N, C-alpha and C. Protein backbone atom coordinates (compact mmCIF):
# COMPACT_ATOMS: atom_id res chain seq x y z
N MET A 1 72.56 63.34 73.90
CA MET A 1 73.80 63.13 74.09
C MET A 1 75.00 64.44 74.15
N THR A 2 75.27 64.94 75.01
CA THR A 2 76.75 65.77 74.47
C THR A 2 78.07 65.25 74.72
N VAL A 3 78.97 66.16 73.65
CA VAL A 3 80.04 65.30 73.84
C VAL A 3 81.26 66.40 73.53
N ALA A 4 82.06 66.34 74.81
CA ALA A 4 82.97 67.86 74.83
C ALA A 4 84.79 67.38 75.01
N ILE A 5 85.72 67.83 74.01
CA ILE A 5 86.45 67.30 74.11
C ILE A 5 87.26 68.78 75.05
N ILE A 6 88.23 68.18 76.01
CA ILE A 6 88.76 69.37 76.89
C ILE A 6 90.41 68.66 76.99
N THR A 7 91.04 70.07 76.81
CA THR A 7 93.05 69.70 76.06
C THR A 7 93.19 70.01 77.63
N GLY A 8 94.10 69.72 78.20
CA GLY A 8 94.94 69.73 79.22
C GLY A 8 94.24 68.97 80.34
N ALA A 9 93.48 68.43 80.42
CA ALA A 9 92.47 67.37 81.32
C ALA A 9 92.56 66.38 82.34
N SER A 10 93.92 66.18 82.60
CA SER A 10 94.92 65.50 83.64
C SER A 10 95.22 65.81 85.22
N ARG A 11 95.15 67.02 85.30
CA ARG A 11 94.82 68.13 86.43
C ARG A 11 94.44 69.40 86.28
N GLY A 12 94.52 70.44 87.58
CA GLY A 12 94.32 71.70 87.53
C GLY A 12 92.46 71.83 87.03
N PHE A 13 92.14 72.80 86.08
CA PHE A 13 90.78 73.07 85.79
C PHE A 13 90.55 72.47 85.02
N GLY A 14 91.41 71.49 84.06
CA GLY A 14 91.24 71.19 83.32
C GLY A 14 90.08 69.36 83.85
N ARG A 15 90.91 69.27 84.70
CA ARG A 15 90.26 68.00 85.46
C ARG A 15 89.16 68.47 86.15
N ALA A 16 88.86 69.65 86.63
CA ALA A 16 87.89 70.17 87.62
C ALA A 16 86.77 70.25 86.68
N LEU A 17 87.04 70.64 85.51
CA LEU A 17 85.77 71.06 84.53
C LEU A 17 85.62 69.77 83.87
N ALA A 18 86.70 68.81 83.66
CA ALA A 18 85.64 67.33 83.43
C ALA A 18 85.45 66.70 83.70
N THR A 19 85.13 67.04 85.67
CA THR A 19 84.62 65.95 86.52
C THR A 19 83.47 66.55 86.95
N ALA A 20 82.83 68.18 86.75
CA ALA A 20 81.55 68.49 86.57
C ALA A 20 80.62 68.33 85.48
N LEU A 21 80.97 68.28 84.15
CA LEU A 21 80.70 67.97 83.09
C LEU A 21 80.24 66.34 83.11
N ALA A 22 80.85 65.56 83.79
CA ALA A 22 80.63 64.20 83.71
C ALA A 22 79.53 64.02 85.24
N GLU A 23 79.49 64.44 86.17
CA GLU A 23 78.65 64.68 86.50
C GLU A 23 77.42 65.35 86.20
N ARG A 24 77.66 65.90 85.46
CA ARG A 24 76.15 66.45 84.13
C ARG A 24 75.50 65.34 83.23
N GLY A 25 76.87 64.19 83.13
CA GLY A 25 76.22 63.05 82.30
C GLY A 25 76.42 63.36 80.42
N TRP A 26 77.86 64.34 80.79
CA TRP A 26 78.38 64.71 79.54
C TRP A 26 79.22 63.83 78.81
N ASP A 27 79.42 63.05 77.94
CA ASP A 27 80.42 61.98 77.43
C ASP A 27 81.92 62.93 76.71
N LEU A 28 82.98 62.60 77.25
CA LEU A 28 84.30 63.52 77.34
C LEU A 28 85.02 62.81 75.99
N VAL A 29 86.10 63.63 75.73
CA VAL A 29 87.25 63.22 74.81
C VAL A 29 88.02 64.11 75.80
N LEU A 30 89.40 62.93 76.23
CA LEU A 30 90.15 63.96 77.64
C LEU A 30 91.42 64.11 77.02
N ASP A 31 92.38 65.09 76.70
CA ASP A 31 93.87 64.86 76.37
C ASP A 31 94.62 66.03 77.27
N ALA A 32 95.78 65.59 77.04
CA ALA A 32 96.74 65.24 78.59
C ALA A 32 97.85 65.10 77.09
N ARG A 33 99.08 65.56 78.30
CA ARG A 33 100.58 64.59 77.99
C ARG A 33 100.93 63.71 78.39
N SER A 34 100.13 63.10 79.50
CA SER A 34 100.86 62.11 80.03
C SER A 34 99.98 61.28 80.56
N ALA A 35 100.11 60.01 79.72
CA ALA A 35 98.94 58.71 79.41
C ALA A 35 98.33 58.48 80.87
N GLY A 36 99.94 57.95 81.90
CA GLY A 36 98.83 57.11 83.33
C GLY A 36 98.10 58.28 83.96
N PRO A 37 98.62 59.66 84.09
CA PRO A 37 97.50 59.85 84.71
C PRO A 37 96.05 61.18 84.36
N LEU A 38 96.29 60.69 82.95
CA LEU A 38 94.88 61.49 82.28
C LEU A 38 93.99 59.97 81.83
N GLU A 39 94.61 58.65 82.55
CA GLU A 39 93.91 57.33 82.16
C GLU A 39 93.42 57.10 83.25
N ASP A 40 93.78 57.14 84.45
CA ASP A 40 93.47 57.97 86.11
C ASP A 40 92.08 58.21 86.33
N VAL A 41 91.72 59.92 85.20
CA VAL A 41 91.61 60.50 85.47
C VAL A 41 90.34 60.42 84.44
N ALA A 42 90.36 59.63 83.82
CA ALA A 42 88.95 59.24 82.63
C ALA A 42 88.87 57.69 83.26
N GLU A 43 89.22 57.19 83.94
CA GLU A 43 88.56 55.97 84.56
C GLU A 43 87.51 56.16 85.70
N ARG A 44 88.11 57.73 86.60
CA ARG A 44 87.24 57.79 87.65
C ARG A 44 85.57 58.75 87.12
N LEU A 45 86.23 59.68 85.85
CA LEU A 45 85.04 60.02 85.19
C LEU A 45 83.80 59.48 84.92
N ARG A 46 83.96 57.90 84.59
CA ARG A 46 83.43 56.53 84.25
C ARG A 46 82.83 56.32 84.57
N LYS A 47 82.80 56.50 86.32
CA LYS A 47 82.37 56.19 86.87
C LYS A 47 80.47 56.99 87.44
N HIS A 48 80.27 57.82 86.60
CA HIS A 48 79.15 58.22 86.46
C HIS A 48 78.20 58.18 85.07
N GLY A 49 79.02 57.06 84.46
CA GLY A 49 78.03 56.61 83.38
C GLY A 49 78.04 57.16 81.87
N GLY A 50 79.01 58.14 81.53
CA GLY A 50 78.69 58.75 80.17
C GLY A 50 80.69 57.98 79.89
N ALA A 51 80.45 58.03 78.62
CA ALA A 51 81.92 57.59 78.17
C ALA A 51 82.79 58.73 77.96
N VAL A 52 83.62 57.90 78.55
CA VAL A 52 85.05 59.01 78.27
C VAL A 52 86.34 59.22 77.57
N THR A 53 86.78 58.91 76.91
CA THR A 53 88.01 58.68 75.72
C THR A 53 89.49 59.59 76.61
N ALA A 54 89.80 58.30 76.66
CA ALA A 54 91.25 59.38 76.56
C ALA A 54 92.49 59.26 75.79
N VAL A 55 92.74 60.27 75.34
CA VAL A 55 93.49 60.42 74.52
C VAL A 55 94.84 61.53 74.44
N PRO A 56 95.43 60.53 75.15
CA PRO A 56 97.18 61.19 75.66
C PRO A 56 97.73 61.83 73.91
N GLY A 57 98.61 62.48 74.31
CA GLY A 57 99.52 63.58 73.34
C GLY A 57 99.94 64.67 73.57
N ASP A 58 100.60 65.43 73.04
CA ASP A 58 100.73 67.05 72.51
C ASP A 58 99.47 67.60 71.75
N VAL A 59 98.87 68.40 72.09
CA VAL A 59 98.46 69.04 71.39
C VAL A 59 99.28 70.09 70.10
N ALA A 60 99.96 70.22 70.36
CA ALA A 60 101.41 70.71 69.27
C ALA A 60 101.04 69.51 67.87
N ASP A 61 101.20 68.87 68.09
CA ASP A 61 101.24 67.51 67.02
C ASP A 61 99.54 67.56 66.35
N GLY A 62 99.37 67.89 65.26
CA GLY A 62 98.65 68.11 63.76
C GLY A 62 98.67 66.44 63.89
N GLY A 63 98.51 66.23 63.93
CA GLY A 63 98.15 64.13 64.18
C GLY A 63 97.52 63.92 65.04
N HIS A 64 98.08 64.24 66.06
CA HIS A 64 97.36 64.25 67.74
C HIS A 64 96.13 65.21 67.50
N ARG A 65 95.24 65.66 67.26
CA ARG A 65 94.52 67.01 67.19
C ARG A 65 93.99 66.07 66.12
N VAL A 66 93.91 65.11 65.12
CA VAL A 66 93.13 64.95 64.09
C VAL A 66 92.20 63.23 64.81
N GLU A 67 93.18 63.01 66.40
CA GLU A 67 93.04 61.94 66.95
C GLU A 67 91.65 62.66 67.95
N LEU A 68 92.09 63.55 68.20
CA LEU A 68 90.84 64.15 68.95
C LEU A 68 89.86 64.26 68.78
N ILE A 69 89.37 64.82 67.82
CA ILE A 69 88.50 65.21 66.58
C ILE A 69 87.50 63.61 66.27
N ALA A 70 88.53 62.76 65.76
CA ALA A 70 88.04 61.18 65.29
C ALA A 70 87.46 60.79 66.53
N ALA A 71 87.98 60.79 67.68
CA ALA A 71 87.80 60.37 69.12
C ALA A 71 86.17 60.91 69.04
N ALA A 72 85.95 62.39 69.20
CA ALA A 72 84.53 63.08 69.18
C ALA A 72 83.90 62.31 68.32
N TRP A 73 84.07 62.17 66.76
CA TRP A 73 83.16 61.96 65.69
C TRP A 73 82.54 60.36 66.52
N GLU A 74 83.63 59.27 66.63
CA GLU A 74 82.49 57.91 67.59
C GLU A 74 81.53 58.69 68.25
N LEU A 75 81.96 59.42 69.01
CA LEU A 75 81.57 59.86 70.89
C LEU A 75 79.85 60.13 69.88
N GLY A 76 79.42 61.04 68.84
CA GLY A 76 78.57 60.55 68.09
C GLY A 76 78.77 62.29 67.40
N GLY A 77 79.66 62.88 67.89
CA GLY A 77 79.73 64.16 67.55
C GLY A 77 80.40 65.27 68.30
N LEU A 78 80.51 66.79 68.09
CA LEU A 78 80.76 67.79 69.38
C LEU A 78 80.44 68.97 69.66
N ASP A 79 79.64 69.13 70.73
CA ASP A 79 79.07 70.12 70.93
C ASP A 79 79.39 71.40 71.37
N LEU A 80 80.63 70.59 72.64
CA LEU A 80 82.04 71.61 73.35
C LEU A 80 83.19 71.31 72.93
N LEU A 81 84.14 72.37 72.41
CA LEU A 81 85.98 72.79 72.56
C LEU A 81 86.45 73.60 73.36
N VAL A 82 87.53 72.62 74.99
CA VAL A 82 87.58 73.71 75.68
C VAL A 82 89.20 73.67 74.97
N ASN A 83 89.30 74.83 74.76
CA ASN A 83 91.32 75.21 74.57
C ASN A 83 91.76 75.33 75.84
N ASN A 84 92.17 74.57 76.74
CA ASN A 84 92.55 75.10 77.84
C ASN A 84 93.85 74.57 78.38
N ALA A 85 94.70 73.63 77.47
CA ALA A 85 96.07 73.62 77.35
C ALA A 85 96.48 74.08 77.38
N SER A 86 98.01 74.30 78.43
CA SER A 86 99.08 75.98 77.58
C SER A 86 99.87 75.89 78.85
N VAL A 87 100.98 76.14 78.49
CA VAL A 87 102.53 76.65 79.08
C VAL A 87 103.03 77.65 79.32
N LEU A 88 103.82 77.76 80.10
CA LEU A 88 104.20 79.60 80.70
C LEU A 88 105.04 79.94 79.67
N GLY A 89 106.10 78.74 79.20
CA GLY A 89 107.02 79.25 78.05
C GLY A 89 108.90 79.46 78.97
N ALA A 90 108.66 79.69 80.22
CA ALA A 90 109.58 79.93 81.47
C ALA A 90 108.83 79.83 82.65
N GLU A 91 109.63 78.55 82.94
CA GLU A 91 109.45 78.21 84.86
C GLU A 91 110.59 79.26 85.57
N PRO A 92 110.83 79.09 87.01
CA PRO A 92 109.54 80.23 86.95
C PRO A 92 109.78 81.37 86.01
N LEU A 93 108.69 82.66 85.80
CA LEU A 93 109.25 84.00 85.22
C LEU A 93 109.76 84.19 84.78
N VAL A 94 110.11 84.50 83.43
CA VAL A 94 111.38 85.70 83.72
C VAL A 94 110.65 87.28 82.94
N SER A 95 112.36 87.82 82.95
CA SER A 95 111.45 89.53 82.28
C SER A 95 111.99 89.14 81.01
N LEU A 96 110.96 90.01 79.91
CA LEU A 96 111.12 89.97 78.50
C LEU A 96 112.40 90.22 77.79
N GLY A 97 113.54 90.37 78.48
CA GLY A 97 115.07 90.57 78.02
C GLY A 97 115.34 89.58 78.15
N ARG A 98 115.03 88.64 79.36
CA ARG A 98 116.32 87.37 79.67
C ARG A 98 115.25 86.08 78.65
N HIS A 99 114.13 86.83 78.38
CA HIS A 99 113.05 85.03 78.02
C HIS A 99 114.06 84.70 76.91
N SER A 100 113.88 83.14 76.61
CA SER A 100 114.43 82.10 75.51
C SER A 100 113.30 82.49 74.40
N LEU A 101 114.00 82.92 72.93
CA LEU A 101 112.89 82.71 72.03
C LEU A 101 112.30 81.58 71.87
N ASP A 102 113.37 80.91 71.48
CA ASP A 102 112.75 79.16 71.30
C ASP A 102 111.79 78.50 72.73
N ASP A 103 112.17 78.96 73.51
CA ASP A 103 110.79 78.59 74.73
C ASP A 103 109.64 79.12 74.16
N PHE A 104 110.05 80.96 73.99
CA PHE A 104 108.66 81.66 73.42
C PHE A 104 108.26 81.30 72.19
N ARG A 105 108.59 80.80 71.17
CA ARG A 105 108.20 80.09 70.41
C ARG A 105 107.74 78.22 70.52
N SER A 106 108.03 78.35 71.65
CA SER A 106 107.27 76.81 72.14
C SER A 106 106.04 77.44 72.69
N ALA A 107 105.54 77.95 73.39
CA ALA A 107 104.83 78.50 74.12
C ALA A 107 104.06 79.08 73.25
N LEU A 108 103.92 79.64 72.17
CA LEU A 108 102.93 80.46 71.05
C LEU A 108 102.48 79.33 70.15
N GLU A 109 103.38 77.89 69.95
CA GLU A 109 102.83 76.92 69.98
C GLU A 109 101.76 76.31 70.08
N VAL A 110 101.52 76.39 71.45
CA VAL A 110 100.98 74.72 72.13
C VAL A 110 99.65 75.96 72.58
N ASN A 111 99.88 77.68 72.62
CA ASN A 111 98.90 78.43 73.28
C ASN A 111 98.04 79.08 72.31
N VAL A 112 98.58 79.35 71.07
CA VAL A 112 98.38 80.15 69.96
C VAL A 112 96.90 78.53 68.49
N VAL A 113 98.74 78.30 68.22
CA VAL A 113 98.82 77.97 66.82
C VAL A 113 98.14 76.53 67.75
N ALA A 114 98.14 75.67 68.05
CA ALA A 114 97.60 74.61 68.49
C ALA A 114 95.86 74.47 68.90
N PRO A 115 95.49 75.79 70.02
CA PRO A 115 94.16 75.68 69.35
C PRO A 115 93.75 76.03 68.07
N LEU A 116 94.65 77.32 67.68
CA LEU A 116 93.76 77.44 66.49
C LEU A 116 93.33 76.08 65.14
N GLY A 117 94.57 75.18 65.19
CA GLY A 117 94.56 73.98 64.65
C GLY A 117 93.72 72.91 64.93
N LEU A 118 93.25 73.01 66.54
CA LEU A 118 92.22 71.87 66.85
C LEU A 118 91.09 72.50 66.04
N LEU A 119 90.91 73.98 66.38
CA LEU A 119 89.35 74.53 66.25
C LEU A 119 88.88 73.74 64.89
N GLN A 120 90.31 74.06 63.61
CA GLN A 120 89.96 73.95 62.50
C GLN A 120 89.54 72.32 62.09
N GLU A 121 89.92 71.63 62.98
CA GLU A 121 89.17 70.43 62.92
C GLU A 121 88.16 70.28 63.33
N ALA A 122 88.12 70.90 64.52
CA ALA A 122 86.74 71.13 65.42
C ALA A 122 85.58 71.26 64.35
N LEU A 123 85.71 72.62 63.36
CA LEU A 123 84.20 72.94 63.15
C LEU A 123 83.10 72.48 62.07
N PRO A 124 83.42 71.80 61.65
CA PRO A 124 82.45 71.02 60.40
C PRO A 124 81.53 69.91 61.99
N LEU A 125 82.00 69.89 62.57
CA LEU A 125 81.24 69.00 64.25
C LEU A 125 80.53 70.00 65.05
N LEU A 126 81.21 70.96 64.95
CA LEU A 126 80.62 71.79 66.23
C LEU A 126 79.57 72.73 65.49
N ARG A 127 79.53 72.60 63.74
CA ARG A 127 78.84 73.53 63.10
C ARG A 127 77.54 73.06 62.79
N GLU A 128 77.75 71.35 63.69
CA GLU A 128 76.71 70.59 63.18
C GLU A 128 75.56 70.07 64.51
N ALA A 129 76.60 70.87 65.71
CA ALA A 129 75.87 70.43 67.12
C ALA A 129 74.61 71.62 67.03
N PRO A 130 73.65 71.45 68.26
CA PRO A 130 72.46 71.79 68.83
C PRO A 130 72.73 73.02 68.94
N ALA A 131 74.11 73.31 69.54
CA ALA A 131 74.56 74.10 70.50
C ALA A 131 76.40 74.20 70.16
N GLY A 132 77.04 74.12 68.93
CA GLY A 132 78.37 74.34 69.25
C GLY A 132 78.99 74.80 69.65
N THR A 133 80.13 75.02 70.94
CA THR A 133 80.16 75.84 71.76
C THR A 133 82.11 75.64 71.45
N VAL A 134 82.49 76.75 71.68
CA VAL A 134 84.24 76.80 72.34
C VAL A 134 84.33 78.10 72.80
N ILE A 135 84.94 76.94 74.54
CA ILE A 135 85.96 77.59 75.70
C ILE A 135 86.99 77.96 75.06
N SER A 136 87.73 78.84 75.28
CA SER A 136 89.68 79.18 75.19
C SER A 136 89.87 79.62 76.48
N MET A 137 90.79 79.54 77.23
CA MET A 137 91.23 80.07 78.40
C MET A 137 91.90 81.10 78.58
N SER A 138 91.80 82.01 78.96
CA SER A 138 92.67 83.66 78.67
C SER A 138 93.51 83.69 79.83
N SER A 139 93.60 84.90 80.67
CA SER A 139 94.04 85.47 81.50
C SER A 139 94.13 87.00 81.53
N ASP A 140 94.06 87.80 82.68
CA ASP A 140 94.54 88.86 83.21
C ASP A 140 95.58 88.93 82.77
N ALA A 141 96.46 88.57 82.21
CA ALA A 141 97.64 88.27 81.76
C ALA A 141 97.47 89.15 80.44
N ALA A 142 96.71 89.09 79.26
CA ALA A 142 96.31 88.93 78.14
C ALA A 142 95.88 90.12 78.26
N THR A 143 95.81 90.93 79.40
CA THR A 143 94.97 92.23 79.07
C THR A 143 95.97 93.62 79.76
N GLU A 144 96.54 93.07 81.35
CA GLU A 144 97.31 93.30 81.76
C GLU A 144 99.18 93.66 81.87
N ALA A 145 99.29 94.24 82.42
CA ALA A 145 101.03 94.30 82.00
C ALA A 145 101.33 94.34 83.07
N TYR A 146 101.92 92.64 83.33
CA TYR A 146 102.89 91.75 84.62
C TYR A 146 104.04 92.25 84.33
N PRO A 147 104.99 92.78 85.27
CA PRO A 147 106.52 92.26 85.12
C PRO A 147 106.10 90.86 84.87
N THR A 148 107.19 90.53 84.07
CA THR A 148 107.20 88.60 83.90
C THR A 148 106.78 88.06 83.50
N TRP A 149 105.20 88.90 83.06
CA TRP A 149 104.37 87.87 82.65
C TRP A 149 103.90 88.41 80.81
N GLY A 150 104.95 88.23 80.13
CA GLY A 150 104.76 89.40 79.27
C GLY A 150 104.41 87.98 77.73
N GLY A 151 105.84 86.92 78.26
CA GLY A 151 105.63 85.91 77.17
C GLY A 151 104.56 85.16 77.04
N TYR A 152 103.71 84.65 78.16
CA TYR A 152 102.77 84.16 78.22
C TYR A 152 101.73 85.23 77.72
N GLY A 153 101.25 85.88 78.75
CA GLY A 153 100.94 87.45 78.55
C GLY A 153 100.35 87.68 77.00
N SER A 154 101.64 87.33 76.20
CA SER A 154 100.86 88.38 74.74
C SER A 154 100.58 86.61 73.92
N THR A 155 101.08 85.70 74.75
CA THR A 155 100.16 84.43 73.73
C THR A 155 98.74 84.31 74.25
N LYS A 156 98.79 85.02 75.08
CA LYS A 156 96.76 85.18 75.61
C LYS A 156 96.31 85.77 75.02
N ALA A 157 97.16 87.26 74.29
CA ALA A 157 95.87 88.25 74.06
C ALA A 157 96.15 87.54 72.42
N ALA A 158 96.66 86.73 72.35
CA ALA A 158 96.82 86.11 70.60
C ALA A 158 95.86 85.56 70.45
N LEU A 159 95.57 84.77 71.63
CA LEU A 159 94.78 83.21 71.73
C LEU A 159 93.04 84.42 72.38
N ASP A 160 92.87 85.65 72.44
CA ASP A 160 91.82 86.51 72.69
C ASP A 160 91.32 86.75 71.27
N GLN A 161 92.61 87.21 70.79
CA GLN A 161 91.96 87.80 69.58
C GLN A 161 91.42 86.96 68.45
N LEU A 162 91.80 85.30 68.29
CA LEU A 162 91.24 84.17 67.47
C LEU A 162 89.86 84.49 68.28
N VAL A 163 89.88 84.30 68.78
CA VAL A 163 88.19 84.22 69.56
C VAL A 163 87.56 85.21 69.29
N ALA A 164 87.98 86.55 69.36
CA ALA A 164 86.82 87.62 68.85
C ALA A 164 86.51 87.56 67.48
N VAL A 165 87.56 87.30 66.56
CA VAL A 165 87.35 86.73 65.12
C VAL A 165 86.41 86.14 64.42
N LEU A 166 86.73 84.69 65.12
CA LEU A 166 85.97 83.79 65.77
C LEU A 166 84.66 83.63 65.70
N ALA A 167 84.02 84.28 66.16
CA ALA A 167 82.94 84.73 67.07
C ALA A 167 82.64 85.61 66.18
N VAL A 168 83.50 86.07 65.25
CA VAL A 168 82.04 87.24 63.73
C VAL A 168 82.11 85.86 62.53
N GLU A 169 83.19 85.13 62.29
CA GLU A 169 82.73 84.83 61.32
C GLU A 169 82.43 82.89 61.63
N GLU A 170 81.69 83.32 63.32
CA GLU A 170 80.82 81.81 63.13
C GLU A 170 79.43 81.91 63.70
N PRO A 171 79.17 83.34 63.35
CA PRO A 171 77.83 83.67 64.38
C PRO A 171 76.75 82.59 64.70
N GLY A 172 77.07 80.81 64.20
CA GLY A 172 75.86 80.16 64.63
C GLY A 172 76.23 79.70 65.53
N LEU A 173 77.80 79.74 65.97
CA LEU A 173 78.20 79.04 67.41
C LEU A 173 78.59 79.96 68.57
N ARG A 174 78.65 79.86 69.83
CA ARG A 174 79.19 80.53 70.92
C ARG A 174 80.37 80.48 70.64
N VAL A 175 81.44 81.33 70.68
CA VAL A 175 83.35 81.39 71.05
C VAL A 175 83.30 82.45 72.59
N TRP A 176 83.70 81.80 73.38
CA TRP A 176 84.07 82.34 74.57
C TRP A 176 85.33 81.95 75.27
N ALA A 177 86.39 83.59 74.92
CA ALA A 177 87.04 84.17 76.03
C ALA A 177 86.72 83.77 76.92
N VAL A 178 87.37 83.12 78.80
CA VAL A 178 87.19 83.54 79.61
C VAL A 178 88.55 82.95 80.44
N ASP A 179 88.76 84.46 81.03
CA ASP A 179 89.28 84.45 82.11
C ASP A 179 89.17 83.92 83.77
N PRO A 180 89.62 82.93 84.16
CA PRO A 180 89.26 82.21 85.02
C PRO A 180 89.63 82.86 86.46
N GLY A 181 90.80 84.23 86.75
CA GLY A 181 90.87 84.94 87.63
C GLY A 181 92.30 84.23 87.98
N GLY A 182 92.99 83.91 88.84
CA GLY A 182 93.65 83.36 89.71
C GLY A 182 93.02 81.66 90.25
N MET A 183 94.33 80.69 90.23
CA MET A 183 93.69 79.29 90.49
C MET A 183 94.73 79.01 91.15
N ARG A 184 94.20 78.09 91.98
CA ARG A 184 95.21 76.99 92.92
C ARG A 184 96.00 75.95 91.93
N THR A 185 97.45 76.09 90.81
CA THR A 185 97.17 75.24 90.30
C THR A 185 98.51 75.12 89.79
N ASP A 186 99.35 74.09 89.50
CA ASP A 186 100.20 73.97 89.61
C ASP A 186 101.29 74.75 88.58
N MET A 187 100.36 75.37 87.31
CA MET A 187 100.77 76.15 86.48
C MET A 187 101.36 77.57 87.34
N LEU A 188 100.38 77.80 88.31
CA LEU A 188 100.71 79.05 89.02
C LEU A 188 101.74 79.39 89.59
N ALA A 189 102.28 77.71 90.57
CA ALA A 189 103.18 77.75 91.85
C ALA A 189 104.54 77.38 90.58
N ALA A 190 104.43 76.92 89.55
CA ALA A 190 105.73 77.04 88.89
C ALA A 190 106.08 77.98 88.19
N ALA A 191 104.94 79.02 87.88
CA ALA A 191 105.13 80.96 87.73
C ALA A 191 106.40 81.37 88.31
N GLU A 192 105.33 81.08 89.64
CA GLU A 192 105.71 82.20 90.98
C GLU A 192 105.81 81.92 92.32
N PRO A 193 107.57 80.82 92.24
CA PRO A 193 107.42 79.99 93.12
C PRO A 193 107.55 80.07 94.67
N ASP A 194 107.54 82.01 94.52
CA ASP A 194 107.75 82.41 96.04
C ASP A 194 106.49 82.78 96.37
N GLU A 195 105.64 82.57 95.89
CA GLU A 195 104.50 83.63 96.46
C GLU A 195 103.52 82.42 97.49
N ASP A 196 102.70 82.59 98.52
CA ASP A 196 101.64 82.11 99.05
C ASP A 196 100.70 81.76 98.46
N LEU A 197 100.43 80.89 97.90
CA LEU A 197 99.20 80.40 97.11
C LEU A 197 97.83 80.10 98.19
N SER A 198 98.02 79.95 99.43
CA SER A 198 96.40 79.10 100.38
C SER A 198 95.73 80.15 100.17
N GLU A 199 95.08 81.20 99.58
CA GLU A 199 94.64 81.39 99.60
C GLU A 199 93.90 81.78 98.40
N VAL A 200 94.56 81.84 97.19
CA VAL A 200 93.97 82.19 96.03
C VAL A 200 92.77 80.90 95.83
N PRO A 201 91.64 80.76 94.68
CA PRO A 201 90.69 80.06 94.50
C PRO A 201 90.83 78.48 94.12
N ARG A 202 90.96 77.58 94.59
CA ARG A 202 90.84 76.21 94.15
C ARG A 202 90.63 76.42 92.31
N PRO A 203 90.86 75.54 91.20
CA PRO A 203 90.00 75.25 90.06
C PRO A 203 88.85 74.48 90.81
N GLU A 204 88.35 74.07 91.30
CA GLU A 204 86.76 73.47 91.98
C GLU A 204 85.47 74.98 91.86
N ASP A 205 86.58 76.16 92.23
CA ASP A 205 85.91 77.14 92.92
C ASP A 205 85.20 77.61 92.20
N VAL A 206 86.58 77.70 90.59
CA VAL A 206 86.17 78.42 89.22
C VAL A 206 85.03 78.15 88.86
N VAL A 207 84.66 76.70 88.63
CA VAL A 207 84.26 76.33 87.52
C VAL A 207 82.78 76.75 87.52
N PRO A 208 82.29 76.52 88.69
CA PRO A 208 80.90 77.00 88.01
C PRO A 208 80.46 78.19 87.54
N ALA A 209 81.12 78.90 87.40
CA ALA A 209 81.45 80.31 86.56
C ALA A 209 81.18 80.00 85.27
N PHE A 210 81.69 78.69 84.51
CA PHE A 210 82.18 77.98 83.44
C PHE A 210 80.75 77.19 83.03
N LEU A 211 80.46 76.96 83.85
CA LEU A 211 79.19 76.19 84.09
C LEU A 211 77.28 76.90 83.80
N SER A 212 77.51 78.10 84.58
CA SER A 212 76.87 79.26 84.20
C SER A 212 76.75 79.48 82.74
N LEU A 213 77.88 80.15 81.89
CA LEU A 213 78.08 80.44 80.92
C LEU A 213 77.80 79.50 79.88
N LEU A 214 77.90 78.19 80.08
CA LEU A 214 77.17 76.77 79.50
C LEU A 214 75.08 76.70 79.63
N ASP A 215 75.24 76.96 81.22
CA ASP A 215 73.89 77.21 80.92
C ASP A 215 72.82 78.01 80.37
N ARG A 216 73.18 79.81 80.61
CA ARG A 216 72.74 80.43 79.60
C ARG A 216 73.04 81.11 78.28
N ARG A 217 74.46 80.53 78.49
CA ARG A 217 74.45 80.94 76.17
C ARG A 217 74.41 81.94 76.62
N PRO A 218 74.91 83.00 77.08
CA PRO A 218 75.23 84.69 76.44
C PRO A 218 76.15 84.60 75.40
N ALA A 219 76.15 85.84 74.50
CA ALA A 219 77.05 86.30 73.44
C ALA A 219 78.00 86.00 73.62
N SER A 220 78.68 85.44 71.58
CA SER A 220 79.95 85.28 72.21
C SER A 220 81.33 86.42 72.55
N GLY A 221 82.18 86.22 72.62
CA GLY A 221 83.06 87.81 73.69
C GLY A 221 84.06 86.87 74.68
N ARG A 222 84.51 87.91 75.41
CA ARG A 222 85.53 87.61 76.61
C ARG A 222 84.50 87.32 77.99
N TYR A 223 85.03 86.59 78.67
CA TYR A 223 84.52 87.53 80.15
C TYR A 223 85.73 86.92 81.37
N SER A 224 84.89 87.39 82.58
CA SER A 224 85.77 87.15 83.79
C SER A 224 85.40 86.14 84.44
N ALA A 225 85.51 84.83 84.86
CA ALA A 225 85.33 83.90 86.03
C ALA A 225 84.40 84.86 87.27
N PRO A 226 85.51 86.00 87.73
CA PRO A 226 85.10 86.19 88.81
C PRO A 226 83.77 87.45 89.01
N SER A 227 83.86 87.63 87.96
CA SER A 227 82.40 88.23 87.74
C SER A 227 80.96 87.69 87.46
N LEU A 228 81.86 86.52 86.33
CA LEU A 228 80.77 85.68 86.58
C LEU A 228 79.67 84.99 87.76
N LEU A 229 81.04 85.04 88.51
CA LEU A 229 80.83 84.77 89.92
C LEU A 229 80.08 85.32 91.21
N GLU A 230 80.52 86.75 90.53
CA GLU A 230 80.11 87.49 91.51
C GLU A 230 78.17 87.78 91.12
N ALA A 231 77.66 88.43 89.62
CA ALA A 231 77.20 87.39 89.35
C ALA A 231 76.14 87.18 89.33
């Protein structure tokens, strides 16, 4: 059996990826801050036959991260860690000159510190897995200078660097940062509430790019979901 931890799994891309893995027979440990919506997702996914454990909490809390790893251990180990949970830091987005420093610190805690903390807890299990894998959600805002995206983008740039270094330090694992491209999510709607998102891909449209990574297992590194889908 294969076991995955997916953070931010109650909606958006996290829910879409969890659904795809459940359909493939994976056992899942799901995280989100809201217990009710998370349990609703878990209950639906259990119908596919795999074990699905819902662990509500805040990934910025060290105790919660320990609970996630313990839940994976109870399912037999950990093959895949997906660092998907993230926050914008400001909703709607604002320029750096107006960005609250407290909000920026909170975004760093959730988008950078929490993934590193969860990874540190997960490494012993991932190293024991036949094909231990880490996926961290990046963004084109990590590499491009978009007005008002500076706060969020800088946290994703920091996460990209953590992924790059981890790939060198843990050659036995596959470690990928993946830019999903634009997705029609609540987060994007909150970031730019005046934008028309009707033509933006849904999370379900992007998931096949991530499944192709899991199937092909290319070298550790940074990937773009639109490029993977084109290929």
